[in-house]
Amino acid sequence: MEENKKEFDESIVEETAEAAEAVSEEAVEEIASEEVAVEETEEALEADAEEAAKDKKAKKKKKSTKTLEIALEKSEAKVAELTDRYQRLMAEFENARKRNAKEQSLRYDMGAKDVLGKLLPVIDNFERGIDTLTEEEKEGAFAQGIVKIYEQLMTTFTELGVTPMDAKGKEFNPDFHNAVMHAEDPEQGENLVSDEFQKGYMYKDSVLRHAMVKVVN
């Protein structure tokens, strides 16, 4: 009976050991399964974290790009504004320069006309004096000197823009001629300058002195 008890006990121990071993194996398998699940979870979390980081970086990059675009638009608008202001200033400067040059030219011409007009009586006296010389007197050294001075003076006047009108034989024009006498002459045309008592002069495109003339018909 003791032997049967001993065999029973041993059988129980073996079954218990087998059961414990089976439980241990199941526990190990569960633990391993749990570890795998944990690893997979960690990998999934890491992947999610990386994806989130990428999304955040992309959003940040997109936001940065948008900021740069806005800054670029503002810069381009500022450059356009400054360019427009610069062009306007240059146009105003050019207009002012032209006005100034024109005003200076007008002032110069006014001053020149005043001086040249006062010298015209000198020209008249030279011409009257030369016209009174006889052919014999014109051969003299003094008369030739006077003629040379007159010619030099007229050359200088021409270089300054002064030219005689030469009104005789031309149609009367009140813009250039001052009629002091009128006459009828059927042998001449209508409204013509028959005589020139005082020579008229032009300074560039304006009248320096009107010609004093006689008009016929």
N, C-alpha and C. Protein backbone atom coordinates (compact mmCIF):
# COMPACT_ATOMS: atom_id res chain seq x y z
N MET A 1 0.82 -1.20 0.00
CA MET A 1 0.00 0.00 0.00
C MET A 1 0.85 1.25 0.00
N GLU A 2 1.90 1.18 0.70
CA GLU A 2 2.85 2.30 0.73
C GLU A 2 3.45 2.49 -0.64
N GLU A 3 3.69 1.37 -1.32
CA GLU A 3 4.26 1.49 -2.67
C GLU A 3 3.26 2.15 -3.60
N ASN A 4 1.98 1.78 -3.47
CA ASN A 4 0.97 2.41 -4.32
C ASN A 4 0.88 3.90 -4.03
N LYS A 5 0.99 4.25 -2.73
CA LYS A 5 0.95 5.67 -2.35
C LYS A 5 2.12 6.41 -2.93
N LYS A 6 3.27 5.75 -2.87
CA LYS A 6 4.51 6.38 -3.39
C LYS A 6 4.38 6.60 -4.88
N GLU A 7 3.85 5.59 -5.58
CA GLU A 7 3.66 5.73 -7.03
C GLU A 7 2.65 6.83 -7.34
N PHE A 8 1.63 6.93 -6.50
CA PHE A 8 0.62 7.96 -6.70
C PHE A 8 1.22 9.36 -6.53
N ASP A 9 2.02 9.42 -5.46
CA ASP A 9 2.65 10.73 -5.18
C ASP A 9 3.57 11.12 -6.33
N GLU A 10 4.35 10.17 -6.79
CA GLU A 10 5.29 10.45 -7.88
C GLU A 10 4.52 10.85 -9.13
N SER A 11 3.41 10.16 -9.34
CA SER A 11 2.60 10.49 -10.51
C SER A 11 2.07 11.92 -10.42
N ILE A 12 1.63 12.27 -9.19
CA ILE A 12 1.13 13.65 -8.99
C ILE A 12 2.22 14.66 -9.21
N VAL A 13 3.42 14.34 -8.70
CA VAL A 13 4.55 15.27 -8.85
C VAL A 13 4.87 15.47 -10.32
N GLU A 14 4.90 14.32 -11.07
CA GLU A 14 5.21 14.42 -12.49
C GLU A 14 4.16 15.25 -13.22
N GLU A 15 2.91 15.00 -12.91
CA GLU A 15 1.83 15.77 -13.57
C GLU A 15 1.94 17.25 -13.23
N THR A 16 2.24 17.45 -11.94
CA THR A 16 2.38 18.87 -11.50
C THR A 16 3.52 19.55 -12.23
N ALA A 17 4.65 18.78 -12.34
CA ALA A 17 5.83 19.32 -13.02
C ALA A 17 5.51 19.60 -14.48
N GLU A 18 4.78 18.64 -15.11
CA GLU A 18 4.43 18.83 -16.52
C GLU A 18 3.50 20.03 -16.68
N ALA A 19 2.55 20.11 -15.73
CA ALA A 19 1.62 21.24 -15.79
C ALA A 19 2.36 22.56 -15.60
N ALA A 20 3.29 22.55 -14.65
CA ALA A 20 4.07 23.77 -14.39
C ALA A 20 4.91 24.13 -15.59
N GLU A 21 5.48 23.07 -16.20
CA GLU A 21 6.33 23.32 -17.38
C GLU A 21 5.49 23.87 -18.53
N ALA A 22 4.28 23.30 -18.70
CA ALA A 22 3.39 23.78 -19.75
C ALA A 22 2.98 25.22 -19.50
N VAL A 23 2.66 25.50 -18.20
CA VAL A 23 2.31 26.88 -17.84
C VAL A 23 3.46 27.82 -18.12
N SER A 24 4.68 27.34 -17.79
CA SER A 24 5.87 28.18 -18.01
C SER A 24 6.06 28.46 -19.49
N GLU A 25 5.87 27.42 -20.32
CA GLU A 25 6.03 27.61 -21.76
C GLU A 25 4.99 28.60 -22.29
N GLU A 26 3.73 28.44 -21.81
CA GLU A 26 2.68 29.37 -22.23
C GLU A 26 2.99 30.80 -21.80
N ALA A 27 3.53 30.87 -20.56
CA ALA A 27 3.88 32.21 -20.04
C ALA A 27 4.98 32.83 -20.88
N VAL A 28 5.97 31.99 -21.21
CA VAL A 28 7.09 32.49 -22.03
C VAL A 28 6.58 32.96 -23.38
N GLU A 29 5.68 32.12 -23.98
CA GLU A 29 5.12 32.46 -25.28
C GLU A 29 4.33 33.77 -25.20
N GLU A 30 3.55 33.90 -24.12
CA GLU A 30 2.76 35.13 -23.94
C GLU A 30 3.67 36.35 -23.76
N ILE A 31 4.71 36.10 -22.94
CA ILE A 31 5.66 37.22 -22.72
C ILE A 31 6.32 37.62 -24.04
N ALA A 32 6.74 36.56 -24.80
CA ALA A 32 7.37 36.84 -26.09
C ALA A 32 6.40 37.58 -27.01
N SER A 33 5.14 37.11 -26.99
CA SER A 33 4.13 37.75 -27.82
C SER A 33 3.92 39.20 -27.40
N GLU A 34 3.89 39.39 -26.06
CA GLU A 34 3.75 40.75 -25.53
C GLU A 34 4.92 41.63 -25.96
N GLU A 35 6.14 41.05 -25.89
CA GLU A 35 7.34 41.82 -26.29
C GLU A 35 7.26 42.22 -27.76
N VAL A 36 6.80 41.23 -28.58
CA VAL A 36 6.65 41.53 -30.02
C VAL A 36 5.63 42.65 -30.21
N ALA A 37 4.53 42.55 -29.48
CA ALA A 37 3.49 43.58 -29.58
C ALA A 37 4.02 44.93 -29.15
N VAL A 38 4.80 44.90 -28.05
CA VAL A 38 5.40 46.15 -27.56
C VAL A 38 6.33 46.73 -28.61
N GLU A 39 7.18 45.87 -29.21
CA GLU A 39 8.11 46.33 -30.24
C GLU A 39 7.35 46.92 -31.43
N GLU A 40 6.31 46.18 -31.85
CA GLU A 40 5.51 46.68 -32.97
C GLU A 40 4.86 48.02 -32.64
N THR A 41 4.37 48.10 -31.39
CA THR A 41 3.77 49.37 -30.95
C THR A 41 4.78 50.50 -30.96
N GLU A 42 5.99 50.19 -30.43
CA GLU A 42 7.06 51.20 -30.40
C GLU A 42 7.43 51.62 -31.82
N GLU A 43 7.54 50.65 -32.74
CA GLU A 43 7.87 50.97 -34.13
C GLU A 43 6.77 51.83 -34.75
N ALA A 44 5.51 51.43 -34.44
CA ALA A 44 4.39 52.22 -34.98
C ALA A 44 4.42 53.64 -34.44
N LEU A 45 4.72 53.75 -33.12
CA LEU A 45 4.80 55.09 -32.52
C LEU A 45 5.93 55.89 -33.13
N GLU A 46 7.08 55.23 -33.35
CA GLU A 46 8.21 55.91 -33.96
C GLU A 46 7.86 56.36 -35.38
N ALA A 47 7.18 55.47 -36.13
CA ALA A 47 6.77 55.82 -37.49
C ALA A 47 5.81 57.01 -37.47
N ASP A 48 4.86 56.95 -36.51
CA ASP A 48 3.90 58.06 -36.38
C ASP A 48 4.63 59.35 -36.01
N ALA A 49 5.61 59.21 -35.12
CA ALA A 49 6.37 60.39 -34.70
C ALA A 49 7.15 60.97 -35.88
N GLU A 50 7.77 60.07 -36.67
CA GLU A 50 8.51 60.53 -37.85
C GLU A 50 7.58 61.19 -38.85
N GLU A 51 6.41 60.59 -39.07
CA GLU A 51 5.44 61.15 -40.00
C GLU A 51 4.95 62.51 -39.52
N ALA A 52 4.70 62.57 -38.19
CA ALA A 52 4.26 63.84 -37.61
C ALA A 52 5.34 64.90 -37.76
N ALA A 53 6.60 64.46 -37.54
CA ALA A 53 7.71 65.40 -37.68
C ALA A 53 7.82 65.89 -39.12
N LYS A 54 7.64 64.95 -40.08
CA LYS A 54 7.69 65.33 -41.49
C LYS A 54 6.58 66.31 -41.83
N ASP A 55 5.35 65.99 -41.32
CA ASP A 55 4.22 66.89 -41.57
C ASP A 55 4.48 68.28 -40.99
N LYS A 56 5.03 68.28 -39.77
CA LYS A 56 5.33 69.55 -39.11
C LYS A 56 6.38 70.33 -39.89
N LYS A 57 7.40 69.59 -40.35
CA LYS A 57 8.48 70.23 -41.13
C LYS A 57 7.93 70.77 -42.44
N ALA A 58 7.04 69.94 -43.08
CA ALA A 58 6.45 70.38 -44.35
C ALA A 58 5.59 71.62 -44.15
N LYS A 59 4.78 71.58 -43.06
CA LYS A 59 3.94 72.75 -42.77
C LYS A 59 4.79 73.98 -42.49
N LYS A 60 5.87 73.75 -41.72
CA LYS A 60 6.77 74.86 -41.39
C LYS A 60 7.42 75.41 -42.66
N LYS A 61 7.84 74.47 -43.55
CA LYS A 61 8.46 74.88 -44.80
C LYS A 61 7.47 75.64 -45.67
N LYS A 62 6.21 75.10 -45.71
CA LYS A 62 5.17 75.77 -46.48
C LYS A 62 4.89 77.16 -45.94
N LYS A 63 4.84 77.24 -44.62
CA LYS A 63 4.61 78.54 -43.98
C LYS A 63 5.76 79.49 -44.27
N SER A 64 7.00 78.94 -44.21
CA SER A 64 8.18 79.77 -44.49
C SER A 64 8.17 80.24 -45.93
N THR A 65 7.77 79.33 -46.86
CA THR A 65 7.70 79.70 -48.27
C THR A 65 6.66 80.79 -48.50
N LYS A 66 5.51 80.67 -47.84
CA LYS A 66 4.46 81.67 -47.96
C LYS A 66 4.94 83.02 -47.43
N THR A 67 5.66 82.96 -46.30
CA THR A 67 6.21 84.20 -45.72
C THR A 67 7.18 84.86 -46.68
N LEU A 68 8.03 84.03 -47.31
CA LEU A 68 8.99 84.56 -48.28
C LEU A 68 8.28 85.16 -49.49
N GLU A 69 7.21 84.49 -49.94
CA GLU A 69 6.45 85.02 -51.08
C GLU A 69 5.84 86.36 -50.74
N ILE A 70 5.29 86.48 -49.55
CA ILE A 70 4.69 87.76 -49.13
C ILE A 70 5.77 88.84 -49.05
N ALA A 71 6.93 88.47 -48.47
CA ALA A 71 8.03 89.43 -48.36
C ALA A 71 8.52 89.84 -49.75
N LEU A 72 8.58 88.87 -50.68
CA LEU A 72 9.01 89.17 -52.05
C LEU A 72 8.03 90.11 -52.74
N GLU A 73 6.75 89.86 -52.57
CA GLU A 73 5.73 90.73 -53.16
C GLU A 73 5.84 92.15 -52.63
N LYS A 74 6.07 92.27 -51.32
CA LYS A 74 6.22 93.60 -50.72
C LYS A 74 7.46 94.30 -51.27
N SER A 75 8.57 93.52 -51.40
CA SER A 75 9.81 94.09 -51.93
C SER A 75 9.63 94.54 -53.37
N GLU A 76 8.95 93.72 -54.18
CA GLU A 76 8.71 94.09 -55.57
C GLU A 76 7.84 95.34 -55.66
N ALA A 77 6.84 95.43 -54.79
CA ALA A 77 5.97 96.61 -54.79
C ALA A 77 6.78 97.86 -54.40
N LYS A 78 7.67 97.70 -53.42
CA LYS A 78 8.51 98.83 -52.99
C LYS A 78 9.46 99.26 -54.10
N VAL A 79 10.05 98.26 -54.78
CA VAL A 79 10.96 98.57 -55.89
C VAL A 79 10.21 99.29 -57.00
N ALA A 80 8.99 98.83 -57.31
CA ALA A 80 8.17 99.48 -58.34
C ALA A 80 7.85 100.92 -57.95
N GLU A 81 7.53 101.12 -56.68
CA GLU A 81 7.22 102.48 -56.19
C GLU A 81 8.44 103.39 -56.30
N LEU A 82 9.60 102.86 -55.85
CA LEU A 82 10.82 103.66 -55.91
C LEU A 82 11.23 103.95 -57.35
N THR A 83 11.05 102.95 -58.23
CA THR A 83 11.37 103.15 -59.64
C THR A 83 10.49 104.23 -60.25
N ASP A 84 9.21 104.20 -59.92
CA ASP A 84 8.28 105.21 -60.43
C ASP A 84 8.65 106.59 -59.92
N ARG A 85 9.00 106.68 -58.63
CA ARG A 85 9.42 107.97 -58.06
C ARG A 85 10.69 108.47 -58.73
N TYR A 86 11.63 107.55 -58.96
CA TYR A 86 12.90 107.92 -59.61
C TYR A 86 12.64 108.44 -61.03
N GLN A 87 11.79 107.74 -61.78
CA GLN A 87 11.49 108.17 -63.14
C GLN A 87 10.79 109.52 -63.15
N ARG A 88 9.89 109.74 -62.20
CA ARG A 88 9.22 111.04 -62.12
C ARG A 88 10.20 112.16 -61.79
N LEU A 89 11.11 111.88 -60.84
CA LEU A 89 12.11 112.88 -60.47
C LEU A 89 13.03 113.20 -61.65
N MET A 90 13.42 112.15 -62.39
CA MET A 90 14.28 112.36 -63.54
C MET A 90 13.56 113.18 -64.61
N ALA A 91 12.27 112.89 -64.81
CA ALA A 91 11.49 113.65 -65.79
C ALA A 91 11.37 115.12 -65.36
N GLU A 92 11.10 115.34 -64.06
CA GLU A 92 11.01 116.71 -63.55
C GLU A 92 12.35 117.43 -63.67
N PHE A 93 13.43 116.69 -63.37
CA PHE A 93 14.77 117.29 -63.49
C PHE A 93 15.07 117.66 -64.93
N GLU A 94 14.72 116.77 -65.87
CA GLU A 94 14.98 117.05 -67.28
C GLU A 94 14.16 118.24 -67.75
N ASN A 95 12.90 118.32 -67.33
CA ASN A 95 12.05 119.47 -67.70
C ASN A 95 12.61 120.76 -67.11
N ALA A 96 13.05 120.68 -65.85
CA ALA A 96 13.63 121.87 -65.21
C ALA A 96 14.91 122.29 -65.92
N ARG A 97 15.72 121.30 -66.31
CA ARG A 97 16.97 121.61 -67.02
C ARG A 97 16.68 122.29 -68.35
N LYS A 98 15.68 121.77 -69.09
CA LYS A 98 15.32 122.37 -70.37
C LYS A 98 14.77 123.78 -70.19
N ARG A 99 13.90 123.95 -69.16
CA ARG A 99 13.36 125.29 -68.90
C ARG A 99 14.48 126.26 -68.55
N ASN A 100 15.40 125.80 -67.71
CA ASN A 100 16.51 126.66 -67.30
C ASN A 100 17.38 127.04 -68.49
N ALA A 101 17.66 126.04 -69.36
CA ALA A 101 18.48 126.31 -70.55
C ALA A 101 17.76 127.29 -71.48
N LYS A 102 16.44 127.09 -71.63
CA LYS A 102 15.67 127.99 -72.49
C LYS A 102 15.64 129.40 -71.92
N GLU A 103 15.44 129.52 -70.61
CA GLU A 103 15.41 130.84 -69.97
C GLU A 103 16.77 131.52 -70.08
N GLN A 104 17.85 130.74 -69.89
CA GLN A 104 19.18 131.32 -70.03
C GLN A 104 19.42 131.81 -71.46
N SER A 105 18.96 131.00 -72.44
CA SER A 105 19.12 131.39 -73.83
C SER A 105 18.33 132.66 -74.14
N LEU A 106 17.11 132.73 -73.60
CA LEU A 106 16.29 133.93 -73.82
C LEU A 106 16.93 135.16 -73.18
N ARG A 107 17.44 134.98 -71.96
CA ARG A 107 18.10 136.12 -71.29
C ARG A 107 19.34 136.55 -72.07
N TYR A 108 20.08 135.56 -72.57
CA TYR A 108 21.28 135.88 -73.35
C TYR A 108 20.89 136.64 -74.62
N ASP A 109 19.85 136.13 -75.31
CA ASP A 109 19.42 136.77 -76.55
C ASP A 109 18.91 138.19 -76.30
N MET A 110 18.20 138.38 -75.18
CA MET A 110 17.70 139.72 -74.86
C MET A 110 18.87 140.67 -74.62
N GLY A 111 19.85 140.19 -73.85
CA GLY A 111 21.01 141.04 -73.60
C GLY A 111 21.81 141.31 -74.86
N ALA A 112 21.95 140.26 -75.69
CA ALA A 112 22.71 140.42 -76.94
C ALA A 112 22.00 141.40 -77.87
N LYS A 113 20.66 141.28 -77.98
CA LYS A 113 19.91 142.19 -78.85
C LYS A 113 20.05 143.64 -78.39
N ASP A 114 20.05 143.83 -77.09
CA ASP A 114 20.18 145.19 -76.56
C ASP A 114 21.53 145.79 -76.93
N VAL A 115 22.59 145.02 -76.76
CA VAL A 115 23.95 145.51 -77.08
C VAL A 115 24.12 145.70 -78.58
N LEU A 116 23.70 144.69 -79.36
CA LEU A 116 23.87 144.76 -80.81
C LEU A 116 23.04 145.90 -81.40
N GLY A 117 21.84 146.09 -80.85
CA GLY A 117 21.00 147.18 -81.34
C GLY A 117 21.66 148.54 -81.15
N LYS A 118 22.40 148.70 -80.06
CA LYS A 118 23.09 149.97 -79.81
C LYS A 118 24.30 150.16 -80.71
N LEU A 119 24.80 149.07 -81.29
CA LEU A 119 25.95 149.17 -82.20
C LEU A 119 25.53 149.43 -83.64
N LEU A 120 24.24 149.25 -83.95
CA LEU A 120 23.79 149.44 -85.33
C LEU A 120 24.03 150.87 -85.85
N PRO A 121 23.82 151.91 -85.03
CA PRO A 121 24.13 153.26 -85.52
C PRO A 121 25.60 153.41 -85.93
N VAL A 122 26.48 152.68 -85.27
CA VAL A 122 27.90 152.71 -85.66
C VAL A 122 28.05 152.15 -87.07
N ILE A 123 27.34 151.03 -87.34
CA ILE A 123 27.36 150.46 -88.69
C ILE A 123 26.82 151.47 -89.70
N ASP A 124 25.70 152.13 -89.33
CA ASP A 124 25.11 153.14 -90.23
C ASP A 124 26.12 154.23 -90.56
N ASN A 125 26.83 154.73 -89.56
CA ASN A 125 27.80 155.80 -89.78
C ASN A 125 28.97 155.34 -90.65
N PHE A 126 29.41 154.10 -90.45
CA PHE A 126 30.46 153.57 -91.31
C PHE A 126 29.99 153.57 -92.77
N GLU A 127 28.76 153.09 -92.99
CA GLU A 127 28.25 153.00 -94.36
C GLU A 127 28.05 154.39 -94.97
N ARG A 128 27.56 155.33 -94.19
CA ARG A 128 27.39 156.70 -94.71
C ARG A 128 28.75 157.30 -95.07
N GLY A 129 29.71 157.09 -94.18
CA GLY A 129 31.04 157.63 -94.44
C GLY A 129 31.67 157.02 -95.68
N ILE A 130 31.53 155.72 -95.87
CA ILE A 130 32.11 155.05 -97.04
C ILE A 130 31.38 155.50 -98.31
N ASP A 131 30.05 155.70 -98.22
CA ASP A 131 29.29 156.12 -99.39
C ASP A 131 29.69 157.53 -99.86
N THR A 132 30.17 158.37 -98.97
CA THR A 132 30.56 159.73 -99.34
C THR A 132 31.94 159.81 -99.97
N LEU A 133 32.70 158.74 -99.90
CA LEU A 133 34.06 158.74 -100.47
C LEU A 133 34.01 158.69 -101.99
N THR A 134 34.88 159.45 -102.61
CA THR A 134 35.03 159.38 -104.06
C THR A 134 35.88 158.17 -104.40
N GLU A 135 35.90 157.84 -105.70
CA GLU A 135 36.70 156.68 -106.12
C GLU A 135 38.18 156.94 -105.85
N GLU A 136 38.60 158.18 -105.99
CA GLU A 136 40.00 158.50 -105.73
C GLU A 136 40.32 158.38 -104.24
N GLU A 137 39.37 158.85 -103.39
CA GLU A 137 39.59 158.77 -101.95
C GLU A 137 39.61 157.33 -101.44
N LYS A 138 38.83 156.48 -102.11
CA LYS A 138 38.79 155.08 -101.70
C LYS A 138 40.13 154.37 -101.90
N GLU A 139 40.96 154.93 -102.78
CA GLU A 139 42.28 154.34 -103.03
C GLU A 139 43.28 154.70 -101.93
N GLY A 140 42.95 155.68 -101.10
CA GLY A 140 43.85 156.10 -100.05
C GLY A 140 43.93 155.08 -98.92
N ALA A 141 45.05 155.11 -98.22
CA ALA A 141 45.30 154.14 -97.13
C ALA A 141 44.30 154.31 -96.00
N PHE A 142 43.96 155.56 -95.67
CA PHE A 142 43.02 155.80 -94.57
C PHE A 142 41.65 155.21 -94.90
N ALA A 143 41.16 155.51 -96.12
CA ALA A 143 39.85 155.02 -96.53
C ALA A 143 39.83 153.49 -96.56
N GLN A 144 40.91 152.90 -97.07
CA GLN A 144 40.98 151.44 -97.11
C GLN A 144 40.99 150.84 -95.70
N GLY A 145 41.63 151.56 -94.76
CA GLY A 145 41.62 151.10 -93.37
C GLY A 145 40.20 151.13 -92.79
N ILE A 146 39.47 152.22 -93.11
CA ILE A 146 38.09 152.33 -92.65
C ILE A 146 37.24 151.19 -93.21
N VAL A 147 37.41 150.90 -94.50
CA VAL A 147 36.65 149.83 -95.15
C VAL A 147 36.98 148.48 -94.48
N LYS A 148 38.25 148.25 -94.19
CA LYS A 148 38.66 146.99 -93.55
C LYS A 148 38.02 146.85 -92.17
N ILE A 149 37.98 147.95 -91.41
CA ILE A 149 37.35 147.92 -90.08
C ILE A 149 35.86 147.62 -90.21
N TYR A 150 35.22 148.27 -91.20
CA TYR A 150 33.79 148.03 -91.42
C TYR A 150 33.53 146.56 -91.79
N GLU A 151 34.34 146.03 -92.68
CA GLU A 151 34.17 144.63 -93.10
C GLU A 151 34.38 143.66 -91.92
N GLN A 152 35.38 143.97 -91.10
CA GLN A 152 35.64 143.14 -89.93
C GLN A 152 34.47 143.19 -88.95
N LEU A 153 33.91 144.38 -88.79
CA LEU A 153 32.76 144.55 -87.89
C LEU A 153 31.55 143.76 -88.41
N MET A 154 31.31 143.81 -89.71
CA MET A 154 30.18 143.09 -90.29
C MET A 154 30.38 141.57 -90.20
N THR A 155 31.63 141.14 -90.35
CA THR A 155 31.92 139.70 -90.21
C THR A 155 31.61 139.24 -88.79
N THR A 156 32.00 140.07 -87.81
CA THR A 156 31.72 139.75 -86.41
C THR A 156 30.22 139.69 -86.15
N PHE A 157 29.49 140.65 -86.71
CA PHE A 157 28.02 140.66 -86.56
C PHE A 157 27.41 139.38 -87.14
N THR A 158 27.91 138.98 -88.30
CA THR A 158 27.38 137.77 -88.94
C THR A 158 27.64 136.55 -88.07
N GLU A 159 28.84 136.47 -87.49
CA GLU A 159 29.17 135.35 -86.61
C GLU A 159 28.29 135.33 -85.36
N LEU A 160 27.83 136.50 -84.93
CA LEU A 160 26.95 136.59 -83.77
C LEU A 160 25.49 136.33 -84.11
N GLY A 161 25.19 136.19 -85.41
CA GLY A 161 23.81 135.89 -85.82
C GLY A 161 23.05 137.10 -86.35
N VAL A 162 23.75 138.20 -86.63
CA VAL A 162 23.10 139.40 -87.13
C VAL A 162 23.23 139.45 -88.65
N THR A 163 22.10 139.61 -89.35
CA THR A 163 22.11 139.67 -90.81
C THR A 163 21.21 140.80 -91.28
N PRO A 164 21.62 141.52 -92.36
CA PRO A 164 20.77 142.60 -92.90
C PRO A 164 19.56 142.03 -93.61
N MET A 165 18.45 142.79 -93.61
CA MET A 165 17.21 142.32 -94.24
C MET A 165 17.22 142.43 -95.76
N ASP A 166 17.83 143.48 -96.27
CA ASP A 166 17.81 143.73 -97.72
C ASP A 166 16.37 143.82 -98.21
N ALA A 167 15.66 144.87 -97.75
CA ALA A 167 14.22 144.97 -97.98
C ALA A 167 13.84 145.50 -99.36
N LYS A 168 14.71 146.26 -100.02
CA LYS A 168 14.35 146.91 -101.28
C LYS A 168 13.95 145.88 -102.34
N GLY A 169 12.78 146.15 -102.98
CA GLY A 169 12.29 145.26 -104.02
C GLY A 169 11.44 144.11 -103.48
N LYS A 170 11.36 144.00 -102.17
CA LYS A 170 10.56 142.93 -101.55
C LYS A 170 9.14 143.42 -101.24
N GLU A 171 8.23 142.50 -101.06
CA GLU A 171 6.87 142.86 -100.67
C GLU A 171 6.86 143.39 -99.25
N PHE A 172 6.09 144.46 -99.06
CA PHE A 172 6.04 145.08 -97.74
C PHE A 172 5.46 144.11 -96.71
N ASN A 173 6.13 144.04 -95.57
CA ASN A 173 5.69 143.18 -94.47
C ASN A 173 5.85 143.96 -93.17
N PRO A 174 4.75 144.32 -92.52
CA PRO A 174 4.85 145.14 -91.29
C PRO A 174 5.61 144.45 -90.15
N ASP A 175 5.77 143.14 -90.24
CA ASP A 175 6.54 142.44 -89.20
C ASP A 175 8.02 142.77 -89.31
N PHE A 176 8.48 143.19 -90.52
CA PHE A 176 9.89 143.47 -90.74
C PHE A 176 10.17 144.91 -91.19
N HIS A 177 9.15 145.56 -91.74
CA HIS A 177 9.37 146.88 -92.34
C HIS A 177 8.55 147.96 -91.64
N ASN A 178 9.14 149.12 -91.58
CA ASN A 178 8.47 150.30 -91.02
C ASN A 178 8.30 151.31 -92.15
N ALA A 179 7.06 151.42 -92.65
CA ALA A 179 6.79 152.30 -93.81
C ALA A 179 6.67 153.74 -93.34
N VAL A 180 7.56 154.60 -93.84
CA VAL A 180 7.53 156.02 -93.47
C VAL A 180 7.06 156.89 -94.64
N MET A 181 6.97 156.31 -95.85
CA MET A 181 6.49 157.03 -97.04
C MET A 181 5.70 156.09 -97.92
N HIS A 182 4.69 156.64 -98.62
CA HIS A 182 3.90 155.90 -99.59
C HIS A 182 3.87 156.68 -100.90
N ALA A 183 3.83 155.94 -102.00
CA ALA A 183 3.77 156.59 -103.32
C ALA A 183 3.09 155.66 -104.30
N GLU A 184 2.71 156.23 -105.45
CA GLU A 184 2.11 155.46 -106.53
C GLU A 184 3.10 155.41 -107.69
N ASP A 185 3.33 154.21 -108.18
CA ASP A 185 4.25 154.04 -109.30
C ASP A 185 3.72 152.90 -110.16
N PRO A 186 3.09 153.26 -111.29
CA PRO A 186 2.49 152.22 -112.15
C PRO A 186 3.51 151.26 -112.75
N GLU A 187 4.76 151.67 -112.75
CA GLU A 187 5.79 150.79 -113.32
C GLU A 187 6.22 149.69 -112.35
N GLN A 188 5.80 149.80 -111.11
CA GLN A 188 6.19 148.78 -110.11
C GLN A 188 4.96 148.01 -109.63
N GLY A 189 5.21 146.90 -108.99
CA GLY A 189 4.13 146.06 -108.52
C GLY A 189 3.42 146.65 -107.31
N GLU A 190 2.43 145.90 -106.85
CA GLU A 190 1.61 146.38 -105.75
C GLU A 190 2.27 146.05 -104.41
N ASN A 191 2.20 147.04 -103.52
CA ASN A 191 2.67 146.86 -102.13
C ASN A 191 4.13 146.43 -102.05
N LEU A 192 4.98 147.12 -102.80
CA LEU A 192 6.40 146.79 -102.83
C LEU A 192 7.23 147.87 -102.15
N VAL A 193 8.37 147.49 -101.61
CA VAL A 193 9.32 148.43 -101.00
C VAL A 193 10.18 148.99 -102.13
N SER A 194 10.03 150.28 -102.39
CA SER A 194 10.78 150.91 -103.49
C SER A 194 12.11 151.49 -103.02
N ASP A 195 12.15 151.94 -101.76
CA ASP A 195 13.38 152.54 -101.23
C ASP A 195 13.58 152.11 -99.78
N GLU A 196 14.83 152.06 -99.40
CA GLU A 196 15.18 151.70 -98.02
C GLU A 196 16.01 152.84 -97.43
N PHE A 197 15.40 153.55 -96.46
CA PHE A 197 16.09 154.70 -95.87
C PHE A 197 17.03 154.29 -94.74
N GLN A 198 16.65 153.27 -94.05
CA GLN A 198 17.51 152.73 -92.98
C GLN A 198 17.43 151.21 -93.02
N LYS A 199 18.59 150.60 -93.08
CA LYS A 199 18.64 149.14 -93.23
C LYS A 199 18.13 148.44 -91.97
N GLY A 200 17.33 147.40 -92.21
CA GLY A 200 16.84 146.59 -91.09
C GLY A 200 17.74 145.39 -90.87
N TYR A 201 17.72 144.86 -89.63
CA TYR A 201 18.58 143.72 -89.29
C TYR A 201 17.79 142.67 -88.51
N MET A 202 18.20 141.44 -88.72
CA MET A 202 17.65 140.30 -87.98
C MET A 202 18.71 139.77 -87.02
N TYR A 203 18.26 139.39 -85.85
CA TYR A 203 19.15 138.66 -84.92
C TYR A 203 18.58 137.24 -84.78
N LYS A 204 19.27 136.31 -85.41
CA LYS A 204 18.78 134.92 -85.48
C LYS A 204 17.40 134.93 -86.14
N ASP A 205 16.35 134.56 -85.44
CA ASP A 205 15.01 134.51 -86.04
C ASP A 205 14.12 135.68 -85.62
N SER A 206 14.67 136.65 -84.94
CA SER A 206 13.85 137.78 -84.48
C SER A 206 14.38 139.09 -85.07
N VAL A 207 13.50 140.09 -85.09
CA VAL A 207 13.87 141.39 -85.66
C VAL A 207 14.73 142.17 -84.67
N LEU A 208 15.90 142.55 -85.12
CA LEU A 208 16.76 143.39 -84.29
C LEU A 208 16.41 144.86 -84.50
N ARG A 209 16.15 145.22 -85.76
CA ARG A 209 15.70 146.58 -86.08
C ARG A 209 14.88 146.52 -87.37
N HIS A 210 13.68 147.16 -87.33
CA HIS A 210 12.86 147.19 -88.54
C HIS A 210 13.50 148.08 -89.60
N ALA A 211 13.31 147.70 -90.85
CA ALA A 211 13.81 148.53 -91.95
C ALA A 211 12.88 149.73 -92.17
N MET A 212 13.47 150.88 -92.31
CA MET A 212 12.69 152.10 -92.57
C MET A 212 12.58 152.25 -94.09
N VAL A 213 11.33 152.16 -94.62
CA VAL A 213 11.18 152.02 -96.07
C VAL A 213 10.10 152.94 -96.63
N LYS A 214 10.13 153.01 -97.98
CA LYS A 214 9.09 153.67 -98.77
C LYS A 214 8.33 152.59 -99.54
N VAL A 215 6.99 152.66 -99.49
CA VAL A 215 6.15 151.63 -100.12
C VAL A 215 5.36 152.23 -101.26
N VAL A 216 5.27 151.51 -102.37
CA VAL A 216 4.51 151.99 -103.53
C VAL A 216 3.32 151.10 -103.77
N ASN A 217 2.27 151.79 -104.33
CA ASN A 217 1.05 151.08 -104.73
C ASN A 217 0.41 150.34 -103.58
